[in-house]
C-alpha cells in the first residue's frame, strides 16, 4: 500500500509540474459546419502564450489531413497556403480566424454539423525546442456563424492546395 501511495504522490507532483509549465492557452475554438459532400473546413481560435512560441502542428481524428494555413489577398486575388508555423509572441493574443491564419481540416471522414464537437490536438514549440501539446474540443458552428469577408466564399470547400 505504501508503494501505491508513493506512486500516486509522484504522479500528482508530475501533473502539477506539467500544469505549471503550460505556456499556451486556447480560447473560443470552433469549427465551421460543412454542406453535404464538402471535404474540407476551417477551425478557428485565439492563442495566447506566456513565452515566445509557435504553433507547429495540428491533428484531429475527424480527418487524416490537418494543416495550418494563411489566407491573404495579393493583387486583388485571394490566396491560401500552408505555413510551417504561426508565431506566438509572449503575452499577445494571436487569432486564427476566417480570412487569416486558420487550421484547415481536409479529406473529412464525415460532414461537420452545427452542434457537433471536433477534438483537436495542437502542438506548440518554445524557443528552447520544448514541445507542448494542448487538447481542444471545438464546437461546430453553422456556416453563417461569423462574419467572414465576402470574398471568403465557402473557404471550407477547398480541396488540397
N, C-alpha and C. Protein backbone atom coordinates (compact mmCIF):
# COMPACT_ATOMS: atom_id res chain seq x y z
N UNK A 1 0.83 -1.20 0.00
CA UNK A 1 0.00 0.00 0.00
C UNK A 1 0.86 1.25 0.00
N UNK A 2 1.99 1.19 0.70
CA UNK A 2 2.87 2.34 0.77
C UNK A 2 3.39 2.71 -0.63
N UNK A 3 3.72 1.69 -1.44
CA UNK A 3 4.21 1.93 -2.79
C UNK A 3 3.15 2.61 -3.65
N UNK A 4 1.89 2.19 -3.51
CA UNK A 4 0.80 2.79 -4.28
C UNK A 4 0.63 4.25 -3.91
N UNK A 5 0.67 4.57 -2.62
CA UNK A 5 0.54 5.97 -2.18
C UNK A 5 1.70 6.80 -2.71
N UNK A 6 2.91 6.23 -2.67
CA UNK A 6 4.09 6.93 -3.18
C UNK A 6 3.95 7.19 -4.68
N UNK A 7 3.47 6.21 -5.43
CA UNK A 7 3.27 6.34 -6.87
C UNK A 7 2.24 7.43 -7.16
N UNK A 8 1.14 7.44 -6.40
CA UNK A 8 0.11 8.46 -6.59
C UNK A 8 0.65 9.85 -6.30
N UNK A 9 1.44 9.99 -5.25
CA UNK A 9 2.04 11.29 -4.92
C UNK A 9 2.97 11.74 -6.03
N UNK A 10 3.78 10.84 -6.54
CA UNK A 10 4.69 11.16 -7.62
C UNK A 10 3.91 11.58 -8.87
N UNK A 11 2.87 10.85 -9.20
CA UNK A 11 2.04 11.18 -10.36
C UNK A 11 1.39 12.56 -10.19
N UNK A 12 0.89 12.85 -9.00
CA UNK A 12 0.28 14.15 -8.73
C UNK A 12 1.31 15.27 -8.86
N UNK A 13 2.51 15.04 -8.38
CA UNK A 13 3.57 16.04 -8.48
C UNK A 13 3.93 16.29 -9.94
N UNK A 14 4.00 15.23 -10.74
CA UNK A 14 4.31 15.39 -12.16
C UNK A 14 3.21 16.16 -12.88
N UNK A 15 1.96 15.87 -12.56
CA UNK A 15 0.85 16.60 -13.16
C UNK A 15 0.90 18.08 -12.79
N UNK A 16 1.19 18.37 -11.54
CA UNK A 16 1.27 19.76 -11.10
C UNK A 16 2.41 20.47 -11.83
N UNK A 17 3.53 19.78 -12.00
CA UNK A 17 4.66 20.37 -12.72
C UNK A 17 4.28 20.64 -14.16
N UNK A 18 3.63 19.68 -14.81
CA UNK A 18 3.21 19.86 -16.19
C UNK A 18 2.24 21.03 -16.32
N UNK A 19 1.29 21.12 -15.42
CA UNK A 19 0.31 22.21 -15.47
C UNK A 19 1.00 23.55 -15.25
N UNK A 20 1.99 23.59 -14.37
CA UNK A 20 2.68 24.84 -14.09
C UNK A 20 3.49 25.29 -15.30
N UNK A 21 3.92 24.34 -16.14
CA UNK A 21 4.72 24.69 -17.30
C UNK A 21 3.87 25.01 -18.53
N UNK A 22 2.57 24.84 -18.45
CA UNK A 22 1.72 25.11 -19.60
C UNK A 22 1.93 26.55 -20.04
N UNK A 23 2.33 26.71 -21.28
CA UNK A 23 2.70 28.03 -21.77
C UNK A 23 1.66 28.66 -22.71
N UNK A 24 0.78 27.85 -23.25
CA UNK A 24 -0.16 28.34 -24.25
C UNK A 24 -1.59 28.09 -23.79
N UNK A 25 -2.44 29.09 -23.97
CA UNK A 25 -3.86 28.91 -23.69
C UNK A 25 -4.62 29.08 -25.00
N UNK A 26 -5.69 28.31 -25.13
CA UNK A 26 -6.53 28.33 -26.33
C UNK A 26 -7.92 28.75 -25.88
N UNK A 27 -8.48 29.77 -26.56
CA UNK A 27 -9.82 30.25 -26.22
C UNK A 27 -10.70 30.28 -27.46
N UNK A 28 -11.99 30.13 -27.24
CA UNK A 28 -13.01 30.31 -28.28
C UNK A 28 -12.74 29.50 -29.55
N UNK A 29 -12.30 28.25 -29.40
CA UNK A 29 -12.07 27.39 -30.57
C UNK A 29 -13.41 26.98 -31.16
N UNK A 30 -13.49 26.95 -32.49
CA UNK A 30 -14.69 26.49 -33.17
C UNK A 30 -14.34 26.03 -34.58
N UNK A 31 -15.23 25.22 -35.15
CA UNK A 31 -15.06 24.68 -36.49
C UNK A 31 -16.29 25.07 -37.30
N UNK A 32 -16.08 25.46 -38.56
CA UNK A 32 -17.20 25.83 -39.42
C UNK A 32 -17.88 24.56 -39.94
N UNK A 33 -19.23 24.55 -39.89
CA UNK A 33 -20.02 23.43 -40.39
C UNK A 33 -19.81 23.28 -41.90
N UNK A 34 -20.10 22.10 -42.41
CA UNK A 34 -19.97 21.83 -43.85
C UNK A 34 -21.33 21.52 -44.45
N UNK A 35 -21.35 21.51 -45.77
CA UNK A 35 -22.53 21.08 -46.51
C UNK A 35 -22.25 19.67 -47.03
N UNK A 36 -23.28 18.92 -47.46
CA UNK A 36 -23.05 17.55 -47.95
C UNK A 36 -21.97 17.52 -49.04
N UNK A 37 -21.14 16.51 -49.01
CA UNK A 37 -20.04 16.27 -49.94
C UNK A 37 -18.85 17.23 -49.78
N UNK A 38 -18.95 18.19 -48.91
CA UNK A 38 -17.82 19.10 -48.68
C UNK A 38 -16.74 18.35 -47.91
N UNK A 39 -15.51 18.38 -48.39
CA UNK A 39 -14.42 17.58 -47.81
C UNK A 39 -13.44 18.38 -46.97
N UNK A 40 -13.68 19.67 -46.81
CA UNK A 40 -12.76 20.46 -46.00
C UNK A 40 -13.47 21.59 -45.30
N UNK A 41 -12.88 22.02 -44.18
CA UNK A 41 -13.43 23.15 -43.44
C UNK A 41 -12.32 23.78 -42.61
N UNK A 42 -12.63 24.88 -41.96
CA UNK A 42 -11.65 25.57 -41.15
C UNK A 42 -11.96 25.48 -39.67
N UNK A 43 -10.90 25.55 -38.87
CA UNK A 43 -11.01 25.64 -37.41
C UNK A 43 -10.36 26.95 -37.01
N UNK A 44 -10.96 27.62 -36.04
CA UNK A 44 -10.54 28.96 -35.65
C UNK A 44 -10.46 29.05 -34.13
N UNK A 45 -9.61 29.94 -33.62
CA UNK A 45 -9.43 30.07 -32.17
C UNK A 45 -8.52 31.25 -31.86
N UNK A 46 -8.40 31.54 -30.56
CA UNK A 46 -7.47 32.55 -30.09
C UNK A 46 -6.39 31.85 -29.27
N UNK A 47 -5.12 32.18 -29.57
CA UNK A 47 -3.98 31.56 -28.91
C UNK A 47 -3.20 32.62 -28.15
N UNK A 48 -2.83 32.31 -26.92
CA UNK A 48 -2.00 33.21 -26.11
C UNK A 48 -0.89 32.39 -25.49
N UNK A 49 0.33 32.93 -25.55
CA UNK A 49 1.49 32.22 -25.00
C UNK A 49 2.16 33.07 -23.92
N UNK A 50 2.57 32.42 -22.84
CA UNK A 50 3.28 33.10 -21.76
C UNK A 50 4.70 33.45 -22.20
N UNK A 51 5.29 32.60 -23.04
CA UNK A 51 6.64 32.82 -23.57
C UNK A 51 6.56 32.72 -25.08
N UNK A 52 7.51 33.34 -25.78
CA UNK A 52 7.55 33.24 -27.23
C UNK A 52 7.51 31.77 -27.63
N UNK A 53 6.59 31.44 -28.51
CA UNK A 53 6.48 30.07 -29.00
C UNK A 53 5.79 30.12 -30.34
N UNK A 54 5.48 28.94 -30.88
CA UNK A 54 4.79 28.89 -32.16
C UNK A 54 3.95 27.63 -32.26
N UNK A 55 2.86 27.74 -33.02
CA UNK A 55 2.02 26.59 -33.33
C UNK A 55 2.70 25.87 -34.48
N UNK A 56 3.06 24.60 -34.28
CA UNK A 56 3.82 23.88 -35.30
C UNK A 56 3.08 22.69 -35.92
N UNK A 57 2.02 22.21 -35.29
CA UNK A 57 1.30 21.06 -35.83
C UNK A 57 -0.10 21.00 -35.24
N UNK A 58 -0.98 20.32 -35.98
CA UNK A 58 -2.34 20.10 -35.52
C UNK A 58 -2.81 18.76 -36.08
N UNK A 59 -3.66 18.09 -35.31
CA UNK A 59 -4.26 16.84 -35.80
C UNK A 59 -5.65 16.70 -35.22
N UNK A 60 -6.44 15.82 -35.84
CA UNK A 60 -7.80 15.57 -35.37
C UNK A 60 -8.24 14.20 -35.88
N UNK A 61 -9.00 13.46 -35.06
CA UNK A 61 -9.49 12.15 -35.51
C UNK A 61 -10.55 12.26 -36.61
N UNK A 62 -11.08 13.46 -36.90
CA UNK A 62 -12.11 13.59 -37.93
C UNK A 62 -11.51 13.65 -39.34
N UNK A 63 -10.18 13.74 -39.42
CA UNK A 63 -9.54 13.87 -40.72
C UNK A 63 -8.10 13.36 -40.70
N UNK A 64 -7.64 12.81 -41.82
CA UNK A 64 -6.24 12.41 -41.89
C UNK A 64 -5.32 13.60 -42.21
N UNK A 65 -5.91 14.73 -42.65
CA UNK A 65 -5.10 15.88 -43.06
C UNK A 65 -5.55 17.14 -42.32
N UNK A 66 -4.70 17.64 -41.44
CA UNK A 66 -4.95 18.90 -40.74
C UNK A 66 -3.69 19.75 -40.87
N UNK A 67 -3.85 20.96 -41.38
CA UNK A 67 -2.70 21.83 -41.63
C UNK A 67 -3.01 23.24 -41.16
N UNK A 68 -1.94 23.98 -40.85
CA UNK A 68 -2.08 25.39 -40.52
C UNK A 68 -1.91 26.16 -41.83
N UNK A 69 -2.88 27.04 -42.13
CA UNK A 69 -2.88 27.80 -43.38
C UNK A 69 -2.95 29.29 -43.09
N UNK A 70 -2.55 30.05 -44.09
CA UNK A 70 -2.69 31.50 -44.06
C UNK A 70 -3.43 31.92 -45.32
N UNK A 71 -4.40 32.79 -45.14
CA UNK A 71 -5.13 33.34 -46.26
C UNK A 71 -4.73 34.80 -46.37
N UNK A 72 -4.49 35.24 -47.61
CA UNK A 72 -4.14 36.64 -47.83
C UNK A 72 -4.67 37.08 -49.18
N UNK A 73 -4.72 38.38 -49.38
CA UNK A 73 -5.14 38.93 -50.67
C UNK A 73 -3.93 39.65 -51.26
N UNK A 74 -3.54 39.22 -52.46
CA UNK A 74 -2.42 39.84 -53.17
C UNK A 74 -2.91 40.21 -54.56
N UNK A 75 -2.79 41.50 -54.91
CA UNK A 75 -3.25 41.99 -56.22
C UNK A 75 -4.70 41.60 -56.47
N UNK A 76 -5.54 41.81 -55.47
CA UNK A 76 -6.98 41.52 -55.54
C UNK A 76 -7.31 40.05 -55.76
N UNK A 77 -6.35 39.17 -55.48
CA UNK A 77 -6.58 37.73 -55.61
C UNK A 77 -6.37 37.09 -54.24
N UNK A 78 -7.38 36.34 -53.80
CA UNK A 78 -7.27 35.66 -52.52
C UNK A 78 -6.40 34.42 -52.69
N UNK A 79 -5.43 34.27 -51.80
CA UNK A 79 -4.54 33.12 -51.86
C UNK A 79 -4.52 32.43 -50.51
N UNK A 80 -4.41 31.11 -50.56
CA UNK A 80 -4.29 30.35 -49.32
C UNK A 80 -3.09 29.43 -49.47
N UNK A 81 -2.28 29.36 -48.40
CA UNK A 81 -1.11 28.50 -48.45
C UNK A 81 -0.86 27.90 -47.07
N UNK A 82 -0.26 26.74 -47.07
CA UNK A 82 0.12 26.10 -45.82
C UNK A 82 1.34 26.83 -45.26
N UNK A 83 1.38 26.99 -43.94
CA UNK A 83 2.55 27.56 -43.28
C UNK A 83 3.11 26.52 -42.32
N UNK A 84 4.41 26.58 -42.09
CA UNK A 84 5.07 25.61 -41.20
C UNK A 84 4.79 25.92 -39.73
N UNK A 85 4.52 27.21 -39.42
CA UNK A 85 4.29 27.59 -38.02
C UNK A 85 3.60 28.95 -37.97
N UNK A 86 2.92 29.20 -36.86
CA UNK A 86 2.36 30.52 -36.57
C UNK A 86 3.05 31.00 -35.30
N UNK A 87 3.75 32.13 -35.42
CA UNK A 87 4.47 32.69 -34.29
C UNK A 87 3.49 33.22 -33.24
N UNK A 88 3.80 32.94 -31.97
CA UNK A 88 3.00 33.42 -30.85
C UNK A 88 3.91 34.25 -29.93
N UNK A 89 3.93 35.56 -30.12
CA UNK A 89 4.76 36.40 -29.25
C UNK A 89 4.24 36.36 -27.81
N UNK A 90 5.15 36.36 -26.86
CA UNK A 90 4.78 36.29 -25.43
C UNK A 90 3.79 37.41 -25.07
N UNK A 91 2.72 37.01 -24.38
CA UNK A 91 1.76 37.98 -23.86
C UNK A 91 0.80 38.56 -24.88
N UNK A 92 0.88 38.16 -26.12
CA UNK A 92 -0.02 38.68 -27.15
C UNK A 92 -0.98 37.58 -27.60
N UNK A 93 -2.21 37.97 -27.92
CA UNK A 93 -3.18 37.01 -28.43
C UNK A 93 -3.11 36.99 -29.95
N UNK A 94 -2.98 35.81 -30.51
CA UNK A 94 -2.98 35.63 -31.96
C UNK A 94 -4.28 34.94 -32.31
N UNK A 95 -5.03 35.54 -33.21
CA UNK A 95 -6.33 34.98 -33.57
C UNK A 95 -6.24 34.22 -34.89
N UNK A 96 -6.66 32.96 -34.85
CA UNK A 96 -6.83 32.17 -36.06
C UNK A 96 -8.27 32.38 -36.46
N UNK A 97 -8.49 33.04 -37.61
CA UNK A 97 -9.84 33.45 -37.98
C UNK A 97 -10.04 33.36 -39.48
N UNK A 98 -11.31 33.35 -39.92
CA UNK A 98 -11.57 33.34 -41.36
C UNK A 98 -10.87 34.54 -42.01
N UNK A 99 -10.20 34.30 -43.13
CA UNK A 99 -9.53 35.37 -43.83
C UNK A 99 -8.09 35.60 -43.39
N UNK A 100 -7.60 34.82 -42.42
CA UNK A 100 -6.23 34.97 -41.93
C UNK A 100 -5.64 33.60 -41.66
N UNK A 101 -4.85 33.50 -40.60
CA UNK A 101 -4.35 32.19 -40.19
C UNK A 101 -5.53 31.35 -39.71
N UNK A 102 -5.49 30.05 -40.00
CA UNK A 102 -6.54 29.14 -39.56
C UNK A 102 -6.03 27.71 -39.68
N UNK A 103 -6.76 26.79 -39.09
CA UNK A 103 -6.45 25.37 -39.24
C UNK A 103 -7.36 24.85 -40.34
N UNK A 104 -6.78 24.17 -41.31
CA UNK A 104 -7.55 23.59 -42.40
C UNK A 104 -7.70 22.09 -42.16
N UNK A 105 -8.94 21.63 -42.09
CA UNK A 105 -9.25 20.21 -41.92
C UNK A 105 -9.72 19.70 -43.27
N UNK A 106 -8.92 18.80 -43.90
CA UNK A 106 -9.21 18.34 -45.26
C UNK A 106 -9.46 16.83 -45.28
N UNK A 107 -10.09 16.38 -46.36
CA UNK A 107 -10.43 14.96 -46.51
C UNK A 107 -11.25 14.46 -45.32
N UNK A 108 -12.24 15.27 -44.94
CA UNK A 108 -13.09 14.93 -43.79
C UNK A 108 -13.73 13.56 -43.96
N UNK A 109 -13.80 12.82 -42.87
CA UNK A 109 -14.41 11.49 -42.89
C UNK A 109 -15.93 11.55 -42.90
N UNK A 110 -16.49 12.69 -42.44
CA UNK A 110 -17.93 12.86 -42.36
C UNK A 110 -18.25 14.35 -42.34
N UNK A 111 -19.50 14.73 -42.64
CA UNK A 111 -19.87 16.14 -42.58
C UNK A 111 -19.76 16.69 -41.15
N UNK A 112 -19.46 17.97 -41.05
CA UNK A 112 -19.41 18.65 -39.76
C UNK A 112 -20.74 19.38 -39.59
N UNK A 113 -21.52 18.96 -38.60
CA UNK A 113 -22.84 19.53 -38.38
C UNK A 113 -22.82 20.45 -37.16
N UNK A 114 -23.53 21.57 -37.27
CA UNK A 114 -23.64 22.51 -36.15
C UNK A 114 -24.08 21.74 -34.91
N UNK A 115 -23.41 21.97 -33.82
CA UNK A 115 -23.71 21.28 -32.57
C UNK A 115 -22.76 20.12 -32.28
N UNK A 116 -22.08 19.61 -33.32
CA UNK A 116 -21.07 18.57 -33.11
C UNK A 116 -19.87 19.17 -32.38
N UNK A 117 -18.99 18.31 -31.91
CA UNK A 117 -17.74 18.74 -31.29
C UNK A 117 -16.59 18.04 -31.99
N UNK A 118 -15.55 18.81 -32.31
CA UNK A 118 -14.39 18.27 -33.02
C UNK A 118 -13.18 18.32 -32.08
N UNK A 119 -12.59 17.16 -31.77
CA UNK A 119 -11.36 17.17 -30.97
C UNK A 119 -10.17 17.60 -31.84
N UNK A 120 -9.37 18.51 -31.31
CA UNK A 120 -8.16 18.97 -31.99
C UNK A 120 -6.98 18.80 -31.05
N UNK A 121 -5.86 18.39 -31.59
CA UNK A 121 -4.62 18.32 -30.83
C UNK A 121 -3.67 19.33 -31.44
N UNK A 122 -3.28 20.33 -30.66
CA UNK A 122 -2.39 21.38 -31.12
C UNK A 122 -1.01 21.17 -30.51
N UNK A 123 0.02 21.34 -31.31
CA UNK A 123 1.39 21.18 -30.82
C UNK A 123 2.10 22.53 -30.95
N UNK A 124 2.64 22.98 -29.82
CA UNK A 124 3.36 24.25 -29.76
C UNK A 124 4.82 23.98 -29.43
N UNK A 125 5.69 24.85 -29.92
CA UNK A 125 7.12 24.69 -29.65
C UNK A 125 7.67 26.01 -29.14
N UNK A 126 8.40 25.95 -28.02
CA UNK A 126 9.04 27.14 -27.47
C UNK A 126 10.38 27.38 -28.14
N UNK A 127 10.98 28.54 -27.84
CA UNK A 127 12.29 28.86 -28.42
C UNK A 127 13.35 27.85 -28.02
N UNK A 128 13.13 27.19 -26.87
CA UNK A 128 14.09 26.20 -26.38
C UNK A 128 13.90 24.83 -27.04
N UNK A 129 12.94 24.73 -27.97
CA UNK A 129 12.69 23.47 -28.66
C UNK A 129 11.75 22.54 -27.91
N UNK A 130 11.36 22.92 -26.70
CA UNK A 130 10.41 22.11 -25.92
C UNK A 130 9.04 22.18 -26.57
N UNK A 131 8.39 21.03 -26.67
CA UNK A 131 7.05 20.98 -27.27
C UNK A 131 5.98 20.78 -26.20
N UNK A 132 4.84 21.39 -26.44
CA UNK A 132 3.68 21.28 -25.56
C UNK A 132 2.48 20.91 -26.42
N UNK A 133 1.71 19.94 -25.97
CA UNK A 133 0.50 19.52 -26.67
C UNK A 133 -0.72 19.99 -25.89
N UNK A 134 -1.66 20.59 -26.60
CA UNK A 134 -2.90 21.05 -25.98
C UNK A 134 -4.07 20.39 -26.71
N UNK A 135 -4.94 19.75 -25.94
CA UNK A 135 -6.14 19.12 -26.49
C UNK A 135 -7.29 20.11 -26.39
N UNK A 136 -8.04 20.25 -27.48
CA UNK A 136 -9.15 21.20 -27.53
C UNK A 136 -10.37 20.48 -28.07
N UNK A 137 -11.53 20.80 -27.52
CA UNK A 137 -12.80 20.30 -28.04
C UNK A 137 -13.50 21.52 -28.64
N UNK A 138 -13.55 21.57 -29.96
CA UNK A 138 -14.09 22.73 -30.65
C UNK A 138 -15.52 22.46 -31.14
N UNK A 139 -16.47 23.29 -30.72
CA UNK A 139 -17.84 23.11 -31.21
C UNK A 139 -17.93 23.49 -32.69
N UNK A 140 -18.83 22.81 -33.40
CA UNK A 140 -19.08 23.13 -34.80
C UNK A 140 -20.18 24.18 -34.84
N UNK A 141 -19.92 25.27 -35.55
CA UNK A 141 -20.90 26.35 -35.69
C UNK A 141 -21.44 26.35 -37.12
N UNK A 142 -22.65 26.89 -37.27
CA UNK A 142 -23.30 26.97 -38.57
C UNK A 142 -22.43 27.74 -39.56
N UNK A 143 -22.65 27.50 -40.84
CA UNK A 143 -21.86 28.16 -41.90
C UNK A 143 -21.83 29.67 -41.76
N UNK A 144 -22.92 30.26 -41.33
CA UNK A 144 -23.00 31.72 -41.23
C UNK A 144 -22.73 32.22 -39.81
N UNK A 145 -22.01 31.45 -39.00
CA UNK A 145 -21.80 31.79 -37.60
C UNK A 145 -20.92 33.01 -37.39
N UNK A 146 -20.10 33.36 -38.36
CA UNK A 146 -19.22 34.51 -38.20
C UNK A 146 -19.24 35.34 -39.46
N UNK A 147 -18.91 36.60 -39.33
CA UNK A 147 -18.89 37.49 -40.49
C UNK A 147 -17.56 37.36 -41.20
N UNK A 148 -17.49 36.42 -42.12
CA UNK A 148 -16.27 36.24 -42.92
C UNK A 148 -16.29 37.24 -44.06
N UNK A 149 -15.15 37.61 -44.57
CA UNK A 149 -15.12 38.53 -45.72
C UNK A 149 -15.95 37.96 -46.88
N UNK A 150 -16.60 38.83 -47.62
CA UNK A 150 -17.48 38.38 -48.70
C UNK A 150 -16.73 37.54 -49.72
N UNK A 151 -15.45 37.83 -49.93
CA UNK A 151 -14.67 37.08 -50.91
C UNK A 151 -14.23 35.73 -50.37
N UNK A 152 -14.50 35.48 -49.11
CA UNK A 152 -14.09 34.22 -48.48
C UNK A 152 -14.81 33.05 -49.11
N UNK A 153 -16.07 33.25 -49.46
CA UNK A 153 -16.89 32.34 -50.23
C UNK A 153 -16.75 30.85 -49.98
N UNK A 154 -17.13 30.38 -48.82
CA UNK A 154 -17.15 28.95 -48.57
C UNK A 154 -15.75 28.34 -48.56
N UNK A 155 -14.84 28.95 -47.89
CA UNK A 155 -13.46 28.52 -47.79
C UNK A 155 -13.33 27.04 -47.54
N UNK A 156 -14.24 26.48 -46.77
CA UNK A 156 -14.15 25.08 -46.44
C UNK A 156 -14.27 24.16 -47.64
N UNK A 157 -14.74 24.68 -48.77
CA UNK A 157 -14.90 23.86 -49.94
C UNK A 157 -13.61 23.58 -50.69
N UNK A 158 -12.52 24.21 -50.30
CA UNK A 158 -11.24 23.97 -50.97
C UNK A 158 -10.78 22.55 -50.75
N UNK A 159 -10.24 21.98 -51.77
CA UNK A 159 -9.61 20.65 -51.64
C UNK A 159 -8.17 20.86 -51.28
N UNK A 160 -7.31 19.96 -51.76
CA UNK A 160 -5.89 20.09 -51.50
C UNK A 160 -5.35 21.28 -52.27
N UNK A 161 -4.35 21.92 -51.69
CA UNK A 161 -3.77 23.11 -52.30
C UNK A 161 -2.47 22.77 -52.96
